[in-house]
Amino acid sequence: IDEFQAIQFKLAEMELRTAAGRELLYRACAMADRGEPGAGKY
C-alpha cells in the first residue's frame, strides 16, 4: 500500500510535521539551557 499515492502523501505529511516539531522543540530546549530571553515563549 505504500505504492499508492494516497498513502504516500499521508506518510509524508506525518514525517514532515514530526520533523518540524523536533526543530522547534530542540530550539526551545537549547534556549532553556543557555538561559536565553524568550525561552518560555518557545
Full PDB file with SEQRES, HELIX, SHEET, SSBOND, CRYST1, ORIGX, SCALE, CONECT and MASTER records, all heavy atoms in Angstrom:
SEQRES   1 A   42  ILE ASP GLU PHE GLN ALA ILE GLN PHE LYS LEU ALA GLU          
SEQRES   2 A   42  MET GLU LEU ARG THR ALA ALA GLY ARG GLU LEU LEU TYR          
SEQRES   3 A   42  ARG ALA CYS ALA MET ALA ASP ARG GLY GLU PRO GLY ALA          
SEQRES   4 A   42  GLY LYS TYR                                                  
HELIX    1 AA1 GLN A    5  ARG A   34  1                                  30    
CRYST1    1.000    1.000    1.000  90.00  90.00  90.00 P 1           1          
ORIGX1      1.000000  0.000000  0.000000        0.00000                         
ORIGX2      0.000000  1.000000  0.000000        0.00000                         
ORIGX3      0.000000  0.000000  1.000000        0.00000                         
SCALE1      1.000000  0.000000  0.000000        0.00000                         
SCALE2      0.000000  1.000000  0.000000        0.00000                         
SCALE3      0.000000  0.000000  1.000000        0.00000                         
ATOM      1  N   ILE A   1       0.819  -1.216   0.000  1.00  0.00           N  
ATOM      2  CA  ILE A   1       0.000   0.000   0.000  1.00  0.00           C  
ATOM      3  C   ILE A   1       0.853   1.267   0.000  1.00  0.00           C  
ATOM      4  O   ILE A   1       0.334   2.355  -0.294  1.00  0.00           O  
ATOM      5  CB  ILE A   1      -1.001   0.026   1.171  1.00  0.00           C  
ATOM      6  CG1 ILE A   1      -0.284   0.092   2.524  1.00  0.00           C  
ATOM      7  CG2 ILE A   1      -1.940  -1.174   1.100  1.00  0.00           C  
ATOM      8  CD1 ILE A   1      -1.250   0.327   3.692  1.00  0.00           C  
ATOM      9  N   ASP A   2       2.154   1.163   0.322  1.00  0.00           N  
ATOM     10  CA  ASP A   2       2.972   2.374   0.266  1.00  0.00           C  
ATOM     11  C   ASP A   2       3.296   2.788  -1.174  1.00  0.00           C  
ATOM     12  O   ASP A   2       3.949   3.802  -1.404  1.00  0.00           O  
ATOM     13  CB  ASP A   2       4.258   2.236   1.083  1.00  0.00           C  
ATOM     14  CG  ASP A   2       5.266   1.273   0.499  1.00  0.00           C  
ATOM     15  OD1 ASP A   2       4.924   0.520  -0.455  1.00  0.00           O  
ATOM     16  OD2 ASP A   2       6.408   1.248   0.994  1.00  0.00           O  
ATOM     17  N   GLU A   3       2.818   2.004  -2.141  1.00  0.00           N  
ATOM     18  CA  GLU A   3       2.968   2.398  -3.539  1.00  0.00           C  
ATOM     19  C   GLU A   3       1.792   3.262  -4.020  1.00  0.00           C  
ATOM     20  O   GLU A   3       1.835   3.822  -5.110  1.00  0.00           O  
ATOM     21  CB  GLU A   3       3.110   1.168  -4.436  1.00  0.00           C  
ATOM     22  CG  GLU A   3       4.412   0.405  -4.211  1.00  0.00           C  
ATOM     23  CD  GLU A   3       4.569  -0.759  -5.177  1.00  0.00           C  
ATOM     24  OE1 GLU A   3       3.738  -0.872  -6.121  1.00  0.00           O  
ATOM     25  OE2 GLU A   3       5.512  -1.555  -4.987  1.00  0.00           O  
ATOM     26  N   PHE A   4       0.745   3.369  -3.169  1.00  0.00           N  
ATOM     27  CA  PHE A   4      -0.399   4.203  -3.535  1.00  0.00           C  
ATOM     28  C   PHE A   4      -0.161   5.639  -3.069  1.00  0.00           C  
ATOM     29  O   PHE A   4       0.234   5.880  -1.932  1.00  0.00           O  
ATOM     30  CB  PHE A   4      -1.684   3.657  -2.912  1.00  0.00           C  
ATOM     31  CG  PHE A   4      -2.052   2.289  -3.405  1.00  0.00           C  
ATOM     32  CD1 PHE A   4      -1.932   1.183  -2.587  1.00  0.00           C  
ATOM     33  CD2 PHE A   4      -2.510   2.107  -4.714  1.00  0.00           C  
ATOM     34  CE1 PHE A   4      -2.266  -0.084  -3.044  1.00  0.00           C  
ATOM     35  CE2 PHE A   4      -2.841   0.841  -5.178  1.00  0.00           C  
ATOM     36  CZ  PHE A   4      -2.718  -0.262  -4.346  1.00  0.00           C  
ATOM     37  N   GLN A   5      -0.441   6.572  -3.963  1.00  0.00           N  
ATOM     38  CA  GLN A   5      -0.132   7.970  -3.658  1.00  0.00           C  
ATOM     39  C   GLN A   5      -0.896   8.475  -2.434  1.00  0.00           C  
ATOM     40  O   GLN A   5      -0.364   9.273  -1.645  1.00  0.00           O  
ATOM     41  CB  GLN A   5      -0.441   8.855  -4.861  1.00  0.00           C  
ATOM     42  CG  GLN A   5       0.101  10.276  -4.722  1.00  0.00           C  
ATOM     43  CD  GLN A   5      -0.141  11.104  -5.965  1.00  0.00           C  
ATOM     44  OE1 GLN A   5      -1.283  11.441  -6.272  1.00  0.00           O  
ATOM     45  NE2 GLN A   5       0.915  11.414  -6.689  1.00  0.00           N  
ATOM     46  N   ALA A   6      -2.118   8.018  -2.241  1.00  0.00           N  
ATOM     47  CA  ALA A   6      -2.897   8.453  -1.079  1.00  0.00           C  
ATOM     48  C   ALA A   6      -2.175   8.126   0.224  1.00  0.00           C  
ATOM     49  O   ALA A   6      -2.145   8.932   1.164  1.00  0.00           O  
ATOM     50  CB  ALA A   6      -4.281   7.811  -1.101  1.00  0.00           C  
ATOM     51  N   ILE A   7      -1.587   6.937   0.282  1.00  0.00           N  
ATOM     52  CA  ILE A   7      -0.841   6.529   1.471  1.00  0.00           C  
ATOM     53  C   ILE A   7       0.494   7.259   1.537  1.00  0.00           C  
ATOM     54  O   ILE A   7       0.931   7.702   2.614  1.00  0.00           O  
ATOM     55  CB  ILE A   7      -0.627   5.001   1.469  1.00  0.00           C  
ATOM     56  CG1 ILE A   7      -1.971   4.275   1.482  1.00  0.00           C  
ATOM     57  CG2 ILE A   7       0.239   4.584   2.660  1.00  0.00           C  
ATOM     58  CD1 ILE A   7      -2.817   4.548   2.714  1.00  0.00           C  
ATOM     59  N   GLN A   8       1.164   7.420   0.418  1.00  0.00           N  
ATOM     60  CA  GLN A   8       2.439   8.131   0.390  1.00  0.00           C  
ATOM     61  C   GLN A   8       2.291   9.543   0.933  1.00  0.00           C  
ATOM     62  O   GLN A   8       3.127  10.028   1.711  1.00  0.00           O  
ATOM     63  CB  GLN A   8       2.984   8.182  -1.044  1.00  0.00           C  
ATOM     64  CG  GLN A   8       3.433   6.838  -1.590  1.00  0.00           C  
ATOM     65  CD  GLN A   8       3.791   6.911  -3.067  1.00  0.00           C  
ATOM     66  OE1 GLN A   8       3.547   7.919  -3.731  1.00  0.00           O  
ATOM     67  NE2 GLN A   8       4.370   5.828  -3.598  1.00  0.00           N  
ATOM     68  N   PHE A   9       1.212  10.227   0.528  1.00  0.00           N  
ATOM     69  CA  PHE A   9       1.004  11.601   0.985  1.00  0.00           C  
ATOM     70  C   PHE A   9       0.738  11.653   2.489  1.00  0.00           C  
ATOM     71  O   PHE A   9       1.196  12.569   3.171  1.00  0.00           O  
ATOM     72  CB  PHE A   9      -0.147  12.241   0.215  1.00  0.00           C  
ATOM     73  CG  PHE A   9       0.240  12.734  -1.160  1.00  0.00           C  
ATOM     74  CD1 PHE A   9       1.490  12.458  -1.704  1.00  0.00           C  
ATOM     75  CD2 PHE A   9      -0.652  13.481  -1.913  1.00  0.00           C  
ATOM     76  CE1 PHE A   9       1.844  12.909  -2.966  1.00  0.00           C  
ATOM     77  CE2 PHE A   9      -0.308  13.945  -3.177  1.00  0.00           C  
ATOM     78  CZ  PHE A   9       0.944  13.657  -3.706  1.00  0.00           C  
ATOM     79  N   LYS A  10      -0.003  10.677   2.999  1.00  0.00           N  
ATOM     80  CA  LYS A  10      -0.234  10.625   4.449  1.00  0.00           C  
ATOM     81  C   LYS A  10       1.093  10.462   5.202  1.00  0.00           C  
ATOM     82  O   LYS A  10       1.382  11.193   6.150  1.00  0.00           O  
ATOM     83  CB  LYS A  10      -1.165   9.471   4.811  1.00  0.00           C  
ATOM     84  CG  LYS A  10      -2.634   9.714   4.546  1.00  0.00           C  
ATOM     85  CD  LYS A  10      -3.462   8.546   5.068  1.00  0.00           C  
ATOM     86  CE  LYS A  10      -4.933   8.728   4.735  1.00  0.00           C  
ATOM     87  NZ  LYS A  10      -5.514   9.915   5.410  1.00  0.00           N  
ATOM     88  N   LEU A  11       1.884   9.498   4.767  1.00  0.00           N  
ATOM     89  CA  LEU A  11       3.150   9.228   5.454  1.00  0.00           C  
ATOM     90  C   LEU A  11       4.093  10.416   5.341  1.00  0.00           C  
ATOM     91  O   LEU A  11       4.797  10.762   6.310  1.00  0.00           O  
ATOM     92  CB  LEU A  11       3.793   7.972   4.870  1.00  0.00           C  
ATOM     93  CG  LEU A  11       3.000   6.667   5.029  1.00  0.00           C  
ATOM     94  CD1 LEU A  11       3.714   5.534   4.294  1.00  0.00           C  
ATOM     95  CD2 LEU A  11       2.798   6.316   6.498  1.00  0.00           C  
ATOM     96  N   ALA A  12       4.116  11.057   4.186  1.00  0.00           N  
ATOM     97  CA  ALA A  12       4.985  12.215   4.002  1.00  0.00           C  
ATOM     98  C   ALA A  12       4.587  13.349   4.942  1.00  0.00           C  
ATOM     99  O   ALA A  12       5.442  14.000   5.561  1.00  0.00           O  
ATOM    100  CB  ALA A  12       4.934  12.693   2.553  1.00  0.00           C  
ATOM    101  N   GLU A  13       3.286  13.593   5.067  1.00  0.00           N  
ATOM    102  CA  GLU A  13       2.821  14.679   5.947  1.00  0.00           C  
ATOM    103  C   GLU A  13       3.087  14.353   7.406  1.00  0.00           C  
ATOM    104  O   GLU A  13       3.440  15.232   8.200  1.00  0.00           O  
ATOM    105  CB  GLU A  13       1.329  14.916   5.720  1.00  0.00           C  
ATOM    106  CG  GLU A  13       0.770  16.132   6.444  1.00  0.00           C  
ATOM    107  CD  GLU A  13       1.262  17.467   5.888  1.00  0.00           C  
ATOM    108  OE1 GLU A  13       1.777  17.491   4.751  1.00  0.00           O  
ATOM    109  OE2 GLU A  13       1.137  18.478   6.595  1.00  0.00           O  
ATOM    110  N   MET A  14       2.960  13.081   7.776  1.00  0.00           N  
ATOM    111  CA  MET A  14       3.261  12.676   9.151  1.00  0.00           C  
ATOM    112  C   MET A  14       4.721  12.944   9.477  1.00  0.00           C  
ATOM    113  O   MET A  14       5.059  13.494  10.538  1.00  0.00           O  
ATOM    114  CB  MET A  14       2.927  11.188   9.333  1.00  0.00           C  
ATOM    115  CG  MET A  14       1.436  10.886   9.283  1.00  0.00           C  
ATOM    116  SD  MET A  14       1.050   9.146   8.902  1.00  0.00           S  
ATOM    117  CE  MET A  14       1.631   8.338  10.392  1.00  0.00           C  
ATOM    118  N   GLU A  15       5.609  12.544   8.567  1.00  0.00           N  
ATOM    119  CA  GLU A  15       7.045  12.762   8.781  1.00  0.00           C  
ATOM    120  C   GLU A  15       7.384  14.245   8.781  1.00  0.00           C  
ATOM    121  O   GLU A  15       8.200  14.716   9.585  1.00  0.00           O  
ATOM    122  CB  GLU A  15       7.832  12.034   7.689  1.00  0.00           C  
ATOM    123  CG  GLU A  15       9.350  12.145   7.815  1.00  0.00           C  
ATOM    124  CD  GLU A  15       9.926  11.300   8.935  1.00  0.00           C  
ATOM    125  OE1 GLU A  15       9.153  10.612   9.635  1.00  0.00           O  
ATOM    126  OE2 GLU A  15      11.160  11.322   9.114  1.00  0.00           O  
ATOM    127  N   LEU A  16       6.732  15.003   7.889  1.00  0.00           N  
ATOM    128  CA  LEU A  16       7.003  16.439   7.778  1.00  0.00           C  
ATOM    129  C   LEU A  16       6.662  17.163   9.079  1.00  0.00           C  
ATOM    130  O   LEU A  16       7.469  17.943   9.604  1.00  0.00           O  
ATOM    131  CB  LEU A  16       6.181  16.995   6.610  1.00  0.00           C  
ATOM    132  CG  LEU A  16       6.384  18.440   6.158  1.00  0.00           C  
ATOM    133  CD1 LEU A  16       5.918  18.590   4.711  1.00  0.00           C  
ATOM    134  CD2 LEU A  16       5.601  19.415   7.035  1.00  0.00           C  
ATOM    135  N   ARG A  17       5.460  16.935   9.590  1.00  0.00           N  
ATOM    136  CA  ARG A  17       5.040  17.636  10.808  1.00  0.00           C  
ATOM    137  C   ARG A  17       5.883  17.221  12.007  1.00  0.00           C  
ATOM    138  O   ARG A  17       6.209  18.049  12.871  1.00  0.00           O  
ATOM    139  CB  ARG A  17       3.563  17.376  11.077  1.00  0.00           C  
ATOM    140  CG  ARG A  17       2.633  17.929  10.018  1.00  0.00           C  
ATOM    141  CD  ARG A  17       1.197  17.933  10.511  1.00  0.00           C  
ATOM    142  NE  ARG A  17       0.258  18.203   9.422  1.00  0.00           N  
ATOM    143  CZ  ARG A  17      -1.039  18.445   9.607  1.00  0.00           C  
ATOM    144  NH1 ARG A  17      -1.546  18.443  10.839  1.00  0.00           N  
ATOM    145  NH2 ARG A  17      -1.832  18.672   8.574  1.00  0.00           N  
ATOM    146  N   THR A  18       6.239  15.953  12.072  1.00  0.00           N  
ATOM    147  CA  THR A  18       7.063  15.478  13.188  1.00  0.00           C  
ATOM    148  C   THR A  18       8.447  16.114  13.143  1.00  0.00           C  
ATOM    149  O   THR A  18       8.978  16.555  14.170  1.00  0.00           O  
ATOM    150  CB  THR A  18       7.163  13.946  13.156  1.00  0.00           C  
ATOM    151  OG1 THR A  18       5.855  13.377  13.226  1.00  0.00           O  
ATOM    152  CG2 THR A  18       7.992  13.428  14.318  1.00  0.00           C  
ATOM    153  N   ALA A  19       9.036  16.185  11.956  1.00  0.00           N  
ATOM    154  CA  ALA A  19      10.359  16.802  11.813  1.00  0.00           C  
ATOM    155  C   ALA A  19      10.316  18.285  12.176  1.00  0.00           C  
ATOM    156  O   ALA A  19      11.228  18.806  12.828  1.00  0.00           O  
ATOM    157  CB  ALA A  19      10.873  16.618  10.389  1.00  0.00           C  
ATOM    158  N   ALA A  20       9.246  18.977  11.776  1.00  0.00           N  
ATOM    159  CA  ALA A  20       9.119  20.401  12.108  1.00  0.00           C  
ATOM    160  C   ALA A  20       8.992  20.587  13.617  1.00  0.00           C  
ATOM    161  O   ALA A  20       9.593  21.499  14.202  1.00  0.00           O  
ATOM    162  CB  ALA A  20       7.910  20.995  11.390  1.00  0.00           C  
ATOM    163  N   GLY A  21       8.229  19.713  14.265  1.00  0.00           N  
ATOM    164  CA  GLY A  21       8.096  19.787  15.718  1.00  0.00           C  
ATOM    165  C   GLY A  21       9.421  19.575  16.427  1.00  0.00           C  
ATOM    166  O   GLY A  21       9.718  20.229  17.434  1.00  0.00           O  
ATOM    167  N   ARG A  22      10.232  18.666  15.892  1.00  0.00           N  
ATOM    168  CA  ARG A  22      11.532  18.389  16.506  1.00  0.00           C  
ATOM    169  C   ARG A  22      12.428  19.634  16.461  1.00  0.00           C  
ATOM    170  O   ARG A  22      13.117  19.947  17.434  1.00  0.00           O  
ATOM    171  CB  ARG A  22      12.204  17.214  15.808  1.00  0.00           C  
ATOM    172  CG  ARG A  22      13.569  16.826  16.417  1.00  0.00           C  
ATOM    173  CD  ARG A  22      14.094  15.535  15.824  1.00  0.00           C  
ATOM    174  NE  ARG A  22      13.225  14.421  16.157  1.00  0.00           N  
ATOM    175  CZ  ARG A  22      12.418  13.807  15.309  1.00  0.00           C  
ATOM    176  NH1 ARG A  22      12.375  14.196  14.034  1.00  0.00           N  
ATOM    177  NH2 ARG A  22      11.647  12.815  15.696  1.00  0.00           N  
ATOM    178  N   GLU A  23      12.445  20.328  15.342  1.00  0.00           N  
ATOM    179  CA  GLU A  23      13.264  21.542  15.241  1.00  0.00           C  
ATOM    180  C   GLU A  23      12.826  22.583  16.260  1.00  0.00           C  
ATOM    181  O   GLU A  23      13.658  23.235  16.900  1.00  0.00           O  
ATOM    182  CB  GLU A  23      13.171  22.114  13.820  1.00  0.00           C  
ATOM    183  CG  GLU A  23      13.758  21.227  12.736  1.00  0.00           C  
ATOM    184  CD  GLU A  23      15.226  20.922  12.970  1.00  0.00           C  
ATOM    185  OE1 GLU A  23      15.998  21.857  13.230  1.00  0.00           O  
ATOM    186  OE2 GLU A  23      15.594  19.736  12.903  1.00  0.00           O  
ATOM    187  N   LEU A  24      11.524  22.752  16.420  1.00  0.00           N  
ATOM    188  CA  LEU A  24      11.016  23.739  17.371  1.00  0.00           C  
ATOM    189  C   LEU A  24      11.323  23.327  18.805  1.00  0.00           C  
ATOM    190  O   LEU A  24      11.746  24.147  19.633  1.00  0.00           O  
ATOM    191  CB  LEU A  24       9.510  23.903  17.171  1.00  0.00           C  
ATOM    192  CG  LEU A  24       8.797  24.982  17.989  1.00  0.00           C  
ATOM    193  CD1 LEU A  24       9.449  26.343  17.813  1.00  0.00           C  
ATOM    194  CD2 LEU A  24       7.320  25.039  17.610  1.00  0.00           C  
ATOM    195  N   LEU A  25      11.133  22.048  19.114  1.00  0.00           N  
ATOM    196  CA  LEU A  25      11.406  21.560  20.472  1.00  0.00           C  
ATOM    197  C   LEU A  25      12.883  21.699  20.814  1.00  0.00           C  
ATOM    198  O   LEU A  25      13.228  22.203  21.893  1.00  0.00           O  
ATOM    199  CB  LEU A  25      10.972  20.102  20.608  1.00  0.00           C  
ATOM    200  CG  LEU A  25      11.273  19.481  21.976  1.00  0.00           C  
ATOM    201  CD1 LEU A  25      10.347  20.047  23.042  1.00  0.00           C  
ATOM    202  CD2 LEU A  25      11.162  17.961  21.921  1.00  0.00           C  
ATOM    203  N   TYR A  26      13.756  21.248  19.931  1.00  0.00           N  
ATOM    204  CA  TYR A  26      15.185  21.307  20.230  1.00  0.00           C  
ATOM    205  C   TYR A  26      15.651  22.756  20.360  1.00  0.00           C  
ATOM    206  O   TYR A  26      16.520  23.064  21.178  1.00  0.00           O  
ATOM    207  CB  TYR A  26      15.984  20.583  19.146  1.00  0.00           C  
ATOM    208  CG  TYR A  26      15.884  19.068  19.174  1.00  0.00           C  
ATOM    209  CD1 TYR A  26      14.965  18.407  19.997  1.00  0.00           C  
ATOM    210  CD2 TYR A  26      16.696  18.283  18.360  1.00  0.00           C  
ATOM    211  CE1 TYR A  26      14.876  17.024  19.994  1.00  0.00           C  
ATOM    212  CE2 TYR A  26      16.622  16.896  18.371  1.00  0.00           C  
ATOM    213  CZ  TYR A  26      15.703  16.273  19.181  1.00  0.00           C  
ATOM    214  OH  TYR A  26      15.610  14.903  19.189  1.00  0.00           O  
ATOM    215  N   ARG A  27      15.097  23.648  19.553  1.00  0.00           N  
ATOM    216  CA  ARG A  27      15.438  25.068  19.681  1.00  0.00           C  
ATOM    217  C   ARG A  27      15.029  25.583  21.055  1.00  0.00           C  
ATOM    218  O   ARG A  27      15.803  26.284  21.721  1.00  0.00           O  
ATOM    219  CB  ARG A  27      14.724  25.862  18.579  1.00  0.00           C  
ATOM    220  CG  ARG A  27      14.702  27.383  18.777  1.00  0.00           C  
ATOM    221  CD  ARG A  27      16.065  28.021  18.533  1.00  0.00           C  
ATOM    222  NE  ARG A  27      16.040  29.447  18.825  1.00  0.00           N  
ATOM    223  CZ  ARG A  27      15.637  30.393  17.979  1.00  0.00           C  
ATOM    224  NH1 ARG A  27      15.217  30.059  16.762  1.00  0.00           N  
ATOM    225  NH2 ARG A  27      15.677  31.662  18.325  1.00  0.00           N  
ATOM    226  N   ALA A  28      13.831  25.242  21.491  1.00  0.00           N  
ATOM    227  CA  ALA A  28      13.363  25.690  22.801  1.00  0.00           C  
ATOM    228  C   ALA A  28      14.226  25.121  23.923  1.00  0.00           C  
ATOM    229  O   ALA A  28      14.546  25.823  24.893  1.00  0.00           O  
ATOM    230  CB  ALA A  28      11.906  25.283  22.992  1.00  0.00           C  
ATOM    231  N   CYS A  29      14.620  23.852  23.803  1.00  0.00           N  
ATOM    232  CA  CYS A  29      15.475  23.233  24.828  1.00  0.00           C  
ATOM    233  C   CYS A  29      16.840  23.914  24.879  1.00  0.00           C  
ATOM    234  O   CYS A  29      17.381  24.171  25.972  1.00  0.00           O  
ATOM    235  CB  CYS A  29      15.651  21.749  24.532  1.00  0.00           C  
ATOM    236  SG  CYS A  29      14.182  20.739  24.774  1.00  0.00           S  
ATOM    237  N   ALA A  30      17.418  24.202  23.714  1.00  0.00           N  
ATOM    238  CA  ALA A  30      18.714  24.866  23.671  1.00  0.00           C  
ATOM    239  C   ALA A  30      18.628  26.260  24.276  1.00  0.00           C  
ATOM    240  O   ALA A  30      19.548  26.703  24.980  1.00  0.00           O  
ATOM    241  CB  ALA A  30      19.217  24.937  22.230  1.00  0.00           C  
ATOM    242  N   MET A  31      17.534  26.965  24.022  1.00  0.00           N  
ATOM    243  CA  MET A  31      17.344  28.287  24.623  1.00  0.00           C  
ATOM    244  C   MET A  31      17.267  28.191  26.147  1.00  0.00           C  
ATOM    245  O   MET A  31      17.828  29.027  26.862  1.00  0.00           O  
ATOM    246  CB  MET A  31      16.075  28.934  24.071  1.00  0.00           C  
ATOM    247  CG  MET A  31      16.167  29.341  22.615  1.00  0.00           C  
ATOM    248  SD  MET A  31      14.606  30.016  21.985  1.00  0.00           S  
ATOM    249  CE  MET A  31      14.569  31.619  22.831  1.00  0.00           C  
ATOM    250  N   ALA A  32      16.569  27.169  26.644  1.00  0.00           N  
ATOM    251  CA  ALA A  32      16.479  26.968  28.088  1.00  0.00           C  
ATOM    252  C   ALA A  32      17.847  26.673  28.687  1.00  0.00           C  
ATOM    253  O   ALA A  32      18.203  27.202  29.749  1.00  0.00           O  
ATOM    254  CB  ALA A  32      15.502  25.838  28.398  1.00  0.00           C  
ATOM    255  N   ASP A  33      18.640  25.855  28.013  1.00  0.00           N  
ATOM    256  CA  ASP A  33      19.981  25.538  28.506  1.00  0.00           C  
ATOM    257  C   ASP A  33      20.876  26.770  28.556  1.00  0.00           C  
ATOM    258  O   ASP A  33      21.718  26.903  29.441  1.00  0.00           O  
ATOM    259  CB  ASP A  33      20.628  24.462  27.626  1.00  0.00           C  
ATOM    260  CG  ASP A  33      20.199  23.053  27.996  1.00  0.00           C  
ATOM    261  OD1 ASP A  33      19.862  22.831  29.174  1.00  0.00           O  
ATOM    262  OD2 ASP A  33      20.198  22.171  27.111  1.00  0.00           O  
ATOM    263  N   ARG A  34      20.690  27.663  27.588  1.00  0.00           N  
ATOM    264  CA  ARG A  34      21.518  28.871  27.540  1.00  0.00           C  
ATOM    265  C   ARG A  34      20.944  30.016  28.364  1.00  0.00           C  
ATOM    266  O   ARG A  34      21.583  31.058  28.495  1.00  0.00           O  
ATOM    267  CB  ARG A  34      21.687  29.325  26.086  1.00  0.00           C  
ATOM    268  CG  ARG A  34      22.505  28.370  25.217  1.00  0.00           C  
ATOM    269  CD  ARG A  34      22.875  29.005  23.892  1.00  0.00           C  
ATOM    270  NE  ARG A  34      21.707  29.248  23.054  1.00  0.00           N  
ATOM    271  CZ  ARG A  34      21.314  28.452  22.061  1.00  0.00           C  
ATOM    272  NH1 ARG A  34      22.001  27.346  21.800  1.00  0.00           N  
ATOM    273  NH2 ARG A  34      20.248  28.753  21.329  1.00  0.00           N  
ATOM    274  N   GLY A  35      19.733  29.830  28.898  1.00  0.00           N  
ATOM    275  CA  GLY A  35      19.100  30.887  29.663  1.00  0.00           C  
ATOM    276  C   GLY A  35      18.727  32.089  28.820  1.00  0.00           C  
ATOM    277  O   GLY A  35      18.737  33.232  29.298  1.00  0.00           O  
ATOM    278  N   GLU A  36      18.366  31.871  27.564  1.00  0.00           N  
ATOM    279  CA  GLU A  36      18.057  32.968  26.648  1.00  0.00           C  
ATOM    280  C   GLU A  36      16.699  33.594  26.962  1.00  0.00           C  
ATOM    281  O   GLU A  36      15.750  32.896  27.330  1.00  0.00           O  
ATOM    282  CB  GLU A  36      18.040  32.467  25.200  1.00  0.00           C  
ATOM    283  CG  GLU A  36      19.398  32.151  24.625  1.00  0.00           C  
ATOM    284  CD  GLU A  36      19.306  31.799  23.141  1.00  0.00           C  
ATOM    285  OE1 GLU A  36      18.301  32.179  22.504  1.00  0.00           O  
ATOM    286  OE2 GLU A  36      20.238  31.146  22.648  1.00  0.00           O  
ATOM    287  N   PRO A  37      16.569  34.897  26.782  1.00  0.00           N  
ATOM    288  CA  PRO A  37      15.251  35.538  26.880  1.00  0.00           C  
ATOM    289  C   PRO A  37      14.310  34.956  25.832  1.00  0.00           C  
ATOM    290  O   PRO A  37      14.734  34.627  24.727  1.00  0.00           O  
ATOM    291  CB  PRO A  37      15.553  37.016  26.578  1.00  0.00           C  
ATOM    292  CG  PRO A  37      17.016  37.184  26.833  1.00  0.00           C  
ATOM    293  CD  PRO A  37      17.652  35.863  26.503  1.00  0.00           C  
ATOM    294  N   GLY A  38      13.053  34.817  26.202  1.00  0.00           N  
ATOM    295  CA  GLY A  38      12.080  34.270  25.268  1.00  0.00           C  
ATOM    296  C   GLY A  38      11.978  32.759  25.276  1.00  0.00           C  
ATOM    297  O   GLY A  38      11.190  32.184  24.508  1.00  0.00           O  
ATOM    298  N   ALA A  39      12.744  32.090  26.138  1.00  0.00           N  
ATOM    299  CA  ALA A  39      12.698  30.625  26.176  1.00  0.00           C  
ATOM    300  C   ALA A  39      11.311  30.121  26.562  1.00  0.00           C  
ATOM    301  O   ALA A  39      10.862  29.083  26.067  1.00  0.00           O  
ATOM    302  CB  ALA A  39      13.748  30.092  27.145  1.00  0.00           C  
ATOM    303  N   GLY A  40      10.616  30.857  27.439  1.00  0.00           N  
ATOM    304  CA  GLY A  40       9.276  30.443  27.852  1.00  0.00           C  
ATOM    305  C   GLY A  40       8.291  30.442  26.698  1.00  0.00           C  
ATOM    306  O   GLY A  40       7.461  29.538  26.562  1.00  0.00           O  
ATOM    307  N   LYS A  41       8.373  31.453  25.858  1.00  0.00           N  
ATOM    308  CA  LYS A  41       7.502  31.515  24.678  1.00  0.00           C  
ATOM    309  C   LYS A  41       7.770  30.331  23.760  1.00  0.00           C  
ATOM    310  O   LYS A  41       6.831  29.681  23.270  1.00  0.00           O  
ATOM    311  CB  LYS A  41       7.752  32.824  23.938  1.00  0.00           C  
ATOM    312  CG  LYS A  41       7.111  32.916  22.571  1.00  0.00           C  
ATOM    313  CD  LYS A  41       7.559  34.189  21.859  1.00  0.00           C  
ATOM    314  CE  LYS A  41       7.129  34.224  20.406  1.00  0.00           C  
ATOM    315  NZ  LYS A  41       7.605  35.438  19.714  1.00  0.00           N  
ATOM    316  N   TYR A  42       9.031  30.023  23.528  1.00  0.00           N  
ATOM    317  CA  TYR A  42       9.367  28.909  22.649  1.00  0.00           C  
ATOM    318  C   TYR A  42       8.964  27.574  23.267  1.00  0.00           C  
ATOM    319  O   TYR A  42       8.579  26.644  22.549  1.00  0.00           O  
ATOM    320  CB  TYR A  42      10.848  28.933  22.293  1.00  0.00           C  
ATOM    321  CG  TYR A  42      11.136  29.740  21.058  1.00  0.00           C  
ATOM    322  CD1 TYR A  42      11.224  31.125  21.113  1.00  0.00           C  
ATOM    323  CD2 TYR A  42      11.270  29.132  19.816  1.00  0.00           C  
ATOM    324  CE1 TYR A  42      11.450  31.891  19.977  1.00  0.00           C  
ATOM    325  CE2 TYR A  42      11.499  29.878  18.663  1.00  0.00           C  
ATOM    326  CZ  TYR A  42      11.586  31.248  18.758  1.00  0.00           C  
ATOM    327  OH  TYR A  42      11.790  31.980  17.620  1.00  0.00           O  
TER     328      TYR A  42                                                      
MASTER        0    0    0    1    0    0    0    6  327    1    0    4          
END                                                                             
